[in-house]
């Protein structure tokens, strides 16, 4: 079946889980986050979530940072 993975079309086996797909693509890494059809999918659901025809999957690395925080005040 056809899906989109990181904005690229690809074929995926029917019945494949999100976790299984990431393992197949060697993309199951710590610190990764995933959006399925523009909704964040919690990592604990990756093993149960079945990939469907036409799904759009975006995988990205979560980066935490720090530094200066600028506060904005809007005049009302």
PDB file of N, CA and C in Angstrom:
ATOM      1  N   UNK A   1       0.836  -1.183   0.000  1.00  0.00           N
ATOM      2  CA  UNK A   1       0.000   0.000   0.000  1.00  0.00           C
ATOM      3  C   UNK A   1       0.877   1.241   0.000  1.00  0.00           C
ATOM      4  N   UNK A   2       0.325   2.340  -0.453  1.00  0.00           N
ATOM      5  CA  UNK A   2       1.067   3.589  -0.603  1.00  0.00           C
ATOM      6  C   UNK A   2       0.867   4.476   0.630  1.00  0.00           C
ATOM      7  N   UNK A   3       1.971   4.997   1.176  1.00  0.00           N
ATOM      8  CA  UNK A   3       1.935   5.964   2.272  1.00  0.00           C
ATOM      9  C   UNK A   3       2.934   7.082   1.949  1.00  0.00           C
ATOM     10  N   UNK A   4       2.925   8.109   2.769  1.00  0.00           N
ATOM     11  CA  UNK A   4       3.928   9.172   2.702  1.00  0.00           C
ATOM     12  C   UNK A   4       4.753   9.090   3.983  1.00  0.00           C
ATOM     13  N   UNK A   5       6.067   8.996   3.834  1.00  0.00           N
ATOM     14  CA  UNK A   5       6.961   8.983   4.990  1.00  0.00           C
ATOM     15  C   UNK A   5       7.936  10.138   4.829  1.00  0.00           C
ATOM     16  N   UNK A   6       7.866  11.090   5.752  1.00  0.00           N
ATOM     17  CA  UNK A   6       8.684  12.311   5.665  1.00  0.00           C
ATOM     18  C   UNK A   6       8.564  12.955   4.285  1.00  0.00           C
ATOM     19  N   UNK A   7       7.315  13.081   3.844  1.00  0.00           N
ATOM     20  CA  UNK A   7       6.958  13.748   2.582  1.00  0.00           C
ATOM     21  C   UNK A   7       7.429  13.011   1.334  1.00  0.00           C
ATOM     22  N   UNK A   8       7.816  11.752   1.464  1.00  0.00           N
ATOM     23  CA  UNK A   8       8.224  10.945   0.312  1.00  0.00           C
ATOM     24  C   UNK A   8       7.268   9.760   0.174  1.00  0.00           C
ATOM     25  N   UNK A   9       6.763   9.495  -1.032  1.00  0.00           N
ATOM     26  CA  UNK A   9       5.902   8.329  -1.215  1.00  0.00           C
ATOM     27  C   UNK A   9       6.704   7.043  -1.042  1.00  0.00           C
ATOM     28  N   UNK A  10       6.071   6.054  -0.447  1.00  0.00           N
ATOM     29  CA  UNK A  10       6.717   4.750  -0.308  1.00  0.00           C
ATOM     30  C   UNK A  10       5.661   3.673  -0.180  1.00  0.00           C
ATOM     31  N   UNK A  11       6.070   2.445  -0.431  1.00  0.00           N
ATOM     32  CA  UNK A  11       5.208   1.284  -0.279  1.00  0.00           C
ATOM     33  C   UNK A  11       5.398   0.703   1.115  1.00  0.00           C
ATOM     34  N   UNK A  12       4.310   0.207   1.665  1.00  0.00           N
ATOM     35  CA  UNK A  12       4.330  -0.379   3.004  1.00  0.00           C
ATOM     36  C   UNK A  12       3.456  -1.631   2.975  1.00  0.00           C
ATOM     37  N   UNK A  13       3.887  -2.664   3.667  1.00  0.00           N
ATOM     38  CA  UNK A  13       3.112  -3.906   3.731  1.00  0.00           C
ATOM     39  C   UNK A  13       1.832  -3.697   4.538  1.00  0.00           C
ATOM     40  N   UNK A  14       0.749  -4.304   4.094  1.00  0.00           N
ATOM     41  CA  UNK A  14      -0.507  -4.249   4.834  1.00  0.00           C
ATOM     42  C   UNK A  14      -0.316  -4.881   6.207  1.00  0.00           C
ATOM     43  N   UNK A  15      -0.923  -4.291   7.219  1.00  0.00           N
ATOM     44  CA  UNK A  15      -0.833  -4.818   8.575  1.00  0.00           C
ATOM     45  C   UNK A  15       0.400  -4.370   9.336  1.00  0.00           C
ATOM     46  N   UNK A  16       1.234  -3.560   8.721  1.00  0.00           N
ATOM     47  CA  UNK A  16       2.463  -3.075   9.351  1.00  0.00           C
ATOM     48  C   UNK A  16       2.133  -2.071  10.457  1.00  0.00           C
ATOM     49  N   UNK A  17       2.787  -2.206  11.598  1.00  0.00           N
ATOM     50  CA  UNK A  17       2.630  -1.215  12.658  1.00  0.00           C
ATOM     51  C   UNK A  17       3.608  -0.073  12.427  1.00  0.00           C
ATOM     52  N   UNK A  18       3.340   1.045  13.072  1.00  0.00           N
ATOM     53  CA  UNK A  18       4.264   2.180  12.998  1.00  0.00           C
ATOM     54  C   UNK A  18       5.636   1.756  13.495  1.00  0.00           C
ATOM     55  N   UNK A  19       5.678   1.065  14.617  1.00  0.00           N
ATOM     56  CA  UNK A  19       6.948   0.597  15.179  1.00  0.00           C
ATOM     57  C   UNK A  19       7.664  -0.332  14.206  1.00  0.00           C
ATOM     58  N   UNK A  20       6.941  -1.260  13.613  1.00  0.00           N
ATOM     59  CA  UNK A  20       7.529  -2.189  12.649  1.00  0.00           C
ATOM     60  C   UNK A  20       8.090  -1.475  11.435  1.00  0.00           C
ATOM     61  N   UNK A  21       7.380  -0.453  10.966  1.00  0.00           N
ATOM     62  CA  UNK A  21       7.861   0.328   9.831  1.00  0.00           C
ATOM     63  C   UNK A  21       9.159   1.045  10.183  1.00  0.00           C
ATOM     64  N   UNK A  22       9.211   1.641  11.365  1.00  0.00           N
ATOM     65  CA  UNK A  22      10.419   2.359  11.779  1.00  0.00           C
ATOM     66  C   UNK A  22      11.598   1.412  11.947  1.00  0.00           C
ATOM     67  N   UNK A  23      11.344   0.212  12.450  1.00  0.00           N
ATOM     68  CA  UNK A  23      12.414  -0.788  12.568  1.00  0.00           C
ATOM     69  C   UNK A  23      12.909  -1.168  11.174  1.00  0.00           C
ATOM     70  N   UNK A  24      11.983  -1.415  10.259  1.00  0.00           N
ATOM     71  CA  UNK A  24      12.335  -1.777   8.879  1.00  0.00           C
ATOM     72  C   UNK A  24      13.189  -0.688   8.228  1.00  0.00           C
ATOM     73  N   UNK A  25      12.887   0.568   8.524  1.00  0.00           N
ATOM     74  CA  UNK A  25      13.612   1.698   7.936  1.00  0.00           C
ATOM     75  C   UNK A  25      14.830   2.115   8.760  1.00  0.00           C
ATOM     76  N   UNK A  26      15.100   1.365   9.839  1.00  0.00           N
ATOM     77  CA  UNK A  26      16.211   1.685  10.747  1.00  0.00           C
ATOM     78  C   UNK A  26      16.089   3.108  11.300  1.00  0.00           C
ATOM     79  N   UNK A  27      14.856   3.470  11.679  1.00  0.00           N
ATOM     80  CA  UNK A  27      14.577   4.818  12.171  1.00  0.00           C
ATOM     81  C   UNK A  27      14.017   4.831  13.593  1.00  0.00           C
ATOM     82  N   UNK A  28      14.011   3.684  14.262  1.00  0.00           N
ATOM     83  CA  UNK A  28      13.488   3.623  15.628  1.00  0.00           C
ATOM     84  C   UNK A  28      14.608   4.023  16.578  1.00  0.00           C
ATOM     85  N   UNK A  29      14.644   5.308  16.925  1.00  0.00           N
ATOM     86  CA  UNK A  29      15.742   5.858  17.713  1.00  0.00           C
ATOM     87  C   UNK A  29      15.204   6.629  18.909  1.00  0.00           C
ATOM     88  N   UNK A  30      15.994   6.700  19.987  1.00  0.00           N
ATOM     89  CA  UNK A  30      15.576   7.509  21.139  1.00  0.00           C
ATOM     90  C   UNK A  30      15.457   8.981  20.742  1.00  0.00           C
ATOM     91  N   UNK A  31      14.540   9.665  21.367  1.00  0.00           N
ATOM     92  CA  UNK A  31      14.382  11.090  21.115  1.00  0.00           C
ATOM     93  C   UNK A  31      13.594  11.427  19.866  1.00  0.00           C
ATOM     94  N   UNK A  32      13.038  10.417  19.213  1.00  0.00           N
ATOM     95  CA  UNK A  32      12.247  10.667  18.009  1.00  0.00           C
ATOM     96  C   UNK A  32      10.794  10.923  18.395  1.00  0.00           C
ATOM     97  N   UNK A  33      10.141  11.763  17.621  1.00  0.00           N
ATOM     98  CA  UNK A  33       8.707  12.007  17.761  1.00  0.00           C
ATOM     99  C   UNK A  33       8.084  11.760  16.393  1.00  0.00           C
ATOM    100  N   UNK A  34       6.794  11.450  16.397  1.00  0.00           N
ATOM    101  CA  UNK A  34       6.140  11.061  15.157  1.00  0.00           C
ATOM    102  C   UNK A  34       4.761  11.695  15.068  1.00  0.00           C
ATOM    103  N   UNK A  35       4.455  12.204  13.898  1.00  0.00           N
ATOM    104  CA  UNK A  35       3.110  12.699  13.612  1.00  0.00           C
ATOM    105  C   UNK A  35       2.488  11.777  12.570  1.00  0.00           C
ATOM    106  N   UNK A  36       1.296  11.318  12.863  1.00  0.00           N
ATOM    107  CA  UNK A  36       0.528  10.480  11.946  1.00  0.00           C
ATOM    108  C   UNK A  36      -0.666  11.300  11.480  1.00  0.00           C
ATOM    109  N   UNK A  37      -0.696  11.605  10.197  1.00  0.00           N
ATOM    110  CA  UNK A  37      -1.777  12.419   9.630  1.00  0.00           C
ATOM    111  C   UNK A  37      -1.950  13.732  10.394  1.00  0.00           C
ATOM    112  N   UNK A  38      -0.831  14.380  10.659  1.00  0.00           N
ATOM    113  CA  UNK A  38      -0.750  15.701  11.276  1.00  0.00           C
ATOM    114  C   UNK A  38      -1.153  15.720  12.749  1.00  0.00           C
ATOM    115  N   UNK A  39      -1.146  14.561  13.391  1.00  0.00           N
ATOM    116  CA  UNK A  39      -1.417  14.465  14.824  1.00  0.00           C
ATOM    117  C   UNK A  39      -0.268  13.718  15.484  1.00  0.00           C
ATOM    118  N   UNK A  40       0.269  14.274  16.566  1.00  0.00           N
ATOM    119  CA  UNK A  40       1.340  13.589  17.289  1.00  0.00           C
ATOM    120  C   UNK A  40       0.816  12.250  17.797  1.00  0.00           C
ATOM    121  N   UNK A  41       1.574  11.199  17.541  1.00  0.00           N
ATOM    122  CA  UNK A  41       1.222   9.862  18.020  1.00  0.00           C
ATOM    123  C   UNK A  41       2.162   9.518  19.169  1.00  0.00           C
ATOM    124  N   UNK A  42       1.632   9.363  20.387  1.00  0.00           N
ATOM    125  CA  UNK A  42       2.499   9.033  21.522  1.00  0.00           C
ATOM    126  C   UNK A  42       3.286   7.751  21.266  1.00  0.00           C
ATOM    127  N   UNK A  43       4.528   7.760  21.685  1.00  0.00           N
ATOM    128  CA  UNK A  43       5.431   6.633  21.435  1.00  0.00           C
ATOM    129  C   UNK A  43       4.858   5.312  21.954  1.00  0.00           C
ATOM    130  N   UNK A  44       4.135   5.346  23.057  1.00  0.00           N
ATOM    131  CA  UNK A  44       3.581   4.101  23.606  1.00  0.00           C
ATOM    132  C   UNK A  44       2.497   3.499  22.711  1.00  0.00           C
ATOM    133  N   UNK A  45       2.046   4.215  21.693  1.00  0.00           N
ATOM    134  CA  UNK A  45       1.048   3.689  20.753  1.00  0.00           C
ATOM    135  C   UNK A  45       1.666   3.166  19.456  1.00  0.00           C
ATOM    136  N   UNK A  46       2.961   3.358  19.266  1.00  0.00           N
ATOM    137  CA  UNK A  46       3.601   2.979  18.011  1.00  0.00           C
ATOM    138  C   UNK A  46       3.502   1.481  17.734  1.00  0.00           C
ATOM    139  N   UNK A  47       3.556   0.639  18.769  1.00  0.00           N
ATOM    140  CA  UNK A  47       3.514  -0.818  18.562  1.00  0.00           C
ATOM    141  C   UNK A  47       2.119  -1.319  18.214  1.00  0.00           C
ATOM    142  N   UNK A  48       1.076  -0.573  18.557  1.00  0.00           N
ATOM    143  CA  UNK A  48      -0.291  -1.003  18.276  1.00  0.00           C
ATOM    144  C   UNK A  48      -0.890  -0.340  17.039  1.00  0.00           C
ATOM    145  N   UNK A  49      -0.382   0.832  16.672  1.00  0.00           N
ATOM    146  CA  UNK A  49      -0.974   1.591  15.566  1.00  0.00           C
ATOM    147  C   UNK A  49      -0.631   0.951  14.222  1.00  0.00           C
ATOM    148  N   UNK A  50      -1.657   0.524  13.500  1.00  0.00           N
ATOM    149  CA  UNK A  50      -1.486  -0.069  12.171  1.00  0.00           C
ATOM    150  C   UNK A  50      -1.454   1.051  11.129  1.00  0.00           C
ATOM    151  N   UNK A  51      -0.483   0.989  10.246  1.00  0.00           N
ATOM    152  CA  UNK A  51      -0.371   1.957   9.158  1.00  0.00           C
ATOM    153  C   UNK A  51      -1.458   1.650   8.128  1.00  0.00           C
ATOM    154  N   UNK A  52      -2.150   2.695   7.685  1.00  0.00           N
ATOM    155  CA  UNK A  52      -3.250   2.551   6.734  1.00  0.00           C
ATOM    156  C   UNK A  52      -2.875   3.169   5.384  1.00  0.00           C
ATOM    157  N   UNK A  53      -3.516   2.696   4.339  1.00  0.00           N
ATOM    158  CA  UNK A  53      -3.336   3.259   2.994  1.00  0.00           C
ATOM    159  C   UNK A  53      -3.496   4.779   3.045  1.00  0.00           C
ATOM    160  N   UNK A  54      -2.538   5.496   2.455  1.00  0.00           N
ATOM    161  CA  UNK A  54      -2.619   6.953   2.378  1.00  0.00           C
ATOM    162  C   UNK A  54      -2.147   7.701   3.610  1.00  0.00           C
ATOM    163  N   UNK A  55      -1.737   6.979   4.664  1.00  0.00           N
ATOM    164  CA  UNK A  55      -1.259   7.664   5.871  1.00  0.00           C
ATOM    165  C   UNK A  55      -0.067   8.556   5.548  1.00  0.00           C
ATOM    166  N   UNK A  56       0.011   9.650   6.272  1.00  0.00           N
ATOM    167  CA  UNK A  56       1.149  10.562   6.186  1.00  0.00           C
ATOM    168  C   UNK A  56       1.887  10.499   7.518  1.00  0.00           C
ATOM    169  N   UNK A  57       3.131  10.077   7.472  1.00  0.00           N
ATOM    170  CA  UNK A  57       3.941   9.925   8.679  1.00  0.00           C
ATOM    171  C   UNK A  57       5.128  10.868   8.591  1.00  0.00           C
ATOM    172  N   UNK A  58       5.290  11.676   9.624  1.00  0.00           N
ATOM    173  CA  UNK A  58       6.452  12.550   9.733  1.00  0.00           C
ATOM    174  C   UNK A  58       7.218  12.153  10.983  1.00  0.00           C
ATOM    175  N   UNK A  59       8.477  11.841  10.817  1.00  0.00           N
ATOM    176  CA  UNK A  59       9.345  11.472  11.931  1.00  0.00           C
ATOM    177  C   UNK A  59      10.353  12.588  12.111  1.00  0.00           C
ATOM    178  N   UNK A  60      10.501  13.045  13.338  1.00  0.00           N
ATOM    179  CA  UNK A  60      11.454  14.117  13.587  1.00  0.00           C
ATOM    180  C   UNK A  60      12.135  13.910  14.925  1.00  0.00           C
ATOM    181  N   UNK A  61      13.280  14.511  15.068  1.00  0.00           N
ATOM    182  CA  UNK A  61      14.080  14.416  16.284  1.00  0.00           C
ATOM    183  C   UNK A  61      13.682  15.549  17.216  1.00  0.00           C
ATOM    184  N   UNK A  62      13.358  15.212  18.453  1.00  0.00           N
ATOM    185  CA  UNK A  62      13.022  16.215  19.452  1.00  0.00           C
ATOM    186  C   UNK A  62      14.325  16.792  19.992  1.00  0.00           C
ATOM    187  N   UNK A  63      14.406  18.101  19.992  1.00  0.00           N
ATOM    188  CA  UNK A  63      15.601  18.779  20.488  1.00  0.00           C
ATOM    189  C   UNK A  63      15.183  19.721  21.606  1.00  0.00           C
ATOM    190  N   UNK A  64      15.764  19.526  22.770  1.00  0.00           N
ATOM    191  CA  UNK A  64      15.494  20.413  23.898  1.00  0.00           C
ATOM    192  C   UNK A  64      16.599  21.449  23.959  1.00  0.00           C
ATOM    193  N   UNK A  65      16.227  22.618  24.354  1.00  0.00           N
ATOM    194  CA  UNK A  65      17.236  23.667  24.433  1.00  0.00           C
ATOM    195  C   UNK A  65      16.933  24.608  25.574  1.00  0.00           C
ATOM    196  N   UNK A  66      17.787  25.526  25.747  1.00  0.00           N
ATOM    197  CA  UNK A  66      17.606  26.525  26.786  1.00  0.00           C
ATOM    198  C   UNK A  66      18.172  27.828  26.298  1.00  0.00           C
ATOM    199  N   UNK A  67      18.140  28.768  27.156  1.00  0.00           N
ATOM    200  CA  UNK A  67      18.698  30.059  26.780  1.00  0.00           C
ATOM    201  C   UNK A  67      17.776  31.168  27.192  1.00  0.00           C
ATOM    202  N   UNK A  68      18.009  32.312  26.606  1.00  0.00           N
ATOM    203  CA  UNK A  68      17.223  33.489  26.941  1.00  0.00           C
ATOM    204  C   UNK A  68      15.783  33.311  26.500  1.00  0.00           C
ATOM    205  N   UNK A  69      14.906  33.742  27.350  1.00  0.00           N
ATOM    206  CA  UNK A  69      13.489  33.745  27.021  1.00  0.00           C
ATOM    207  C   UNK A  69      13.065  35.200  26.931  1.00  0.00           C
ATOM    208  N   UNK A  70      12.492  35.583  25.836  1.00  0.00           N
ATOM    209  CA  UNK A  70      12.028  36.948  25.647  1.00  0.00           C
ATOM    210  C   UNK A  70      10.523  36.965  25.830  1.00  0.00           C
ATOM    211  N   UNK A  71      10.079  37.865  26.668  1.00  0.00           N
ATOM    212  CA  UNK A  71       8.652  37.993  26.924  1.00  0.00           C
ATOM    213  C   UNK A  71       8.106  39.141  26.093  1.00  0.00           C
ATOM    214  N   UNK A  72       6.944  38.942  25.539  1.00  0.00           N
ATOM    215  CA  UNK A  72       6.281  39.963  24.737  1.00  0.00           C
ATOM    216  C   UNK A  72       5.037  40.424  25.477  1.00  0.00           C
ATOM    217  N   UNK A  73       4.825  41.686  25.508  1.00  0.00           N
ATOM    218  CA  UNK A  73       3.595  42.216  26.082  1.00  0.00           C
ATOM    219  C   UNK A  73       2.843  42.895  24.959  1.00  0.00           C
ATOM    220  N   UNK A  74       1.603  42.514  24.820  1.00  0.00           N
ATOM    221  CA  UNK A  74       0.784  43.105  23.772  1.00  0.00           C
ATOM    222  C   UNK A  74      -0.135  44.130  24.412  1.00  0.00           C
ATOM    223  N   UNK A  75      -0.140  45.322  23.873  1.00  0.00           N
ATOM    224  CA  UNK A  75      -1.057  46.354  24.366  1.00  0.00           C
ATOM    225  C   UNK A  75      -2.454  46.052  23.860  1.00  0.00           C
ATOM    226  N   UNK A  76      -3.395  46.090  24.779  1.00  0.00           N
ATOM    227  CA  UNK A  76      -4.782  45.797  24.413  1.00  0.00           C
ATOM    228  C   UNK A  76      -5.596  47.048  24.503  1.00  0.00           C
TER     229      UNK A  76
END
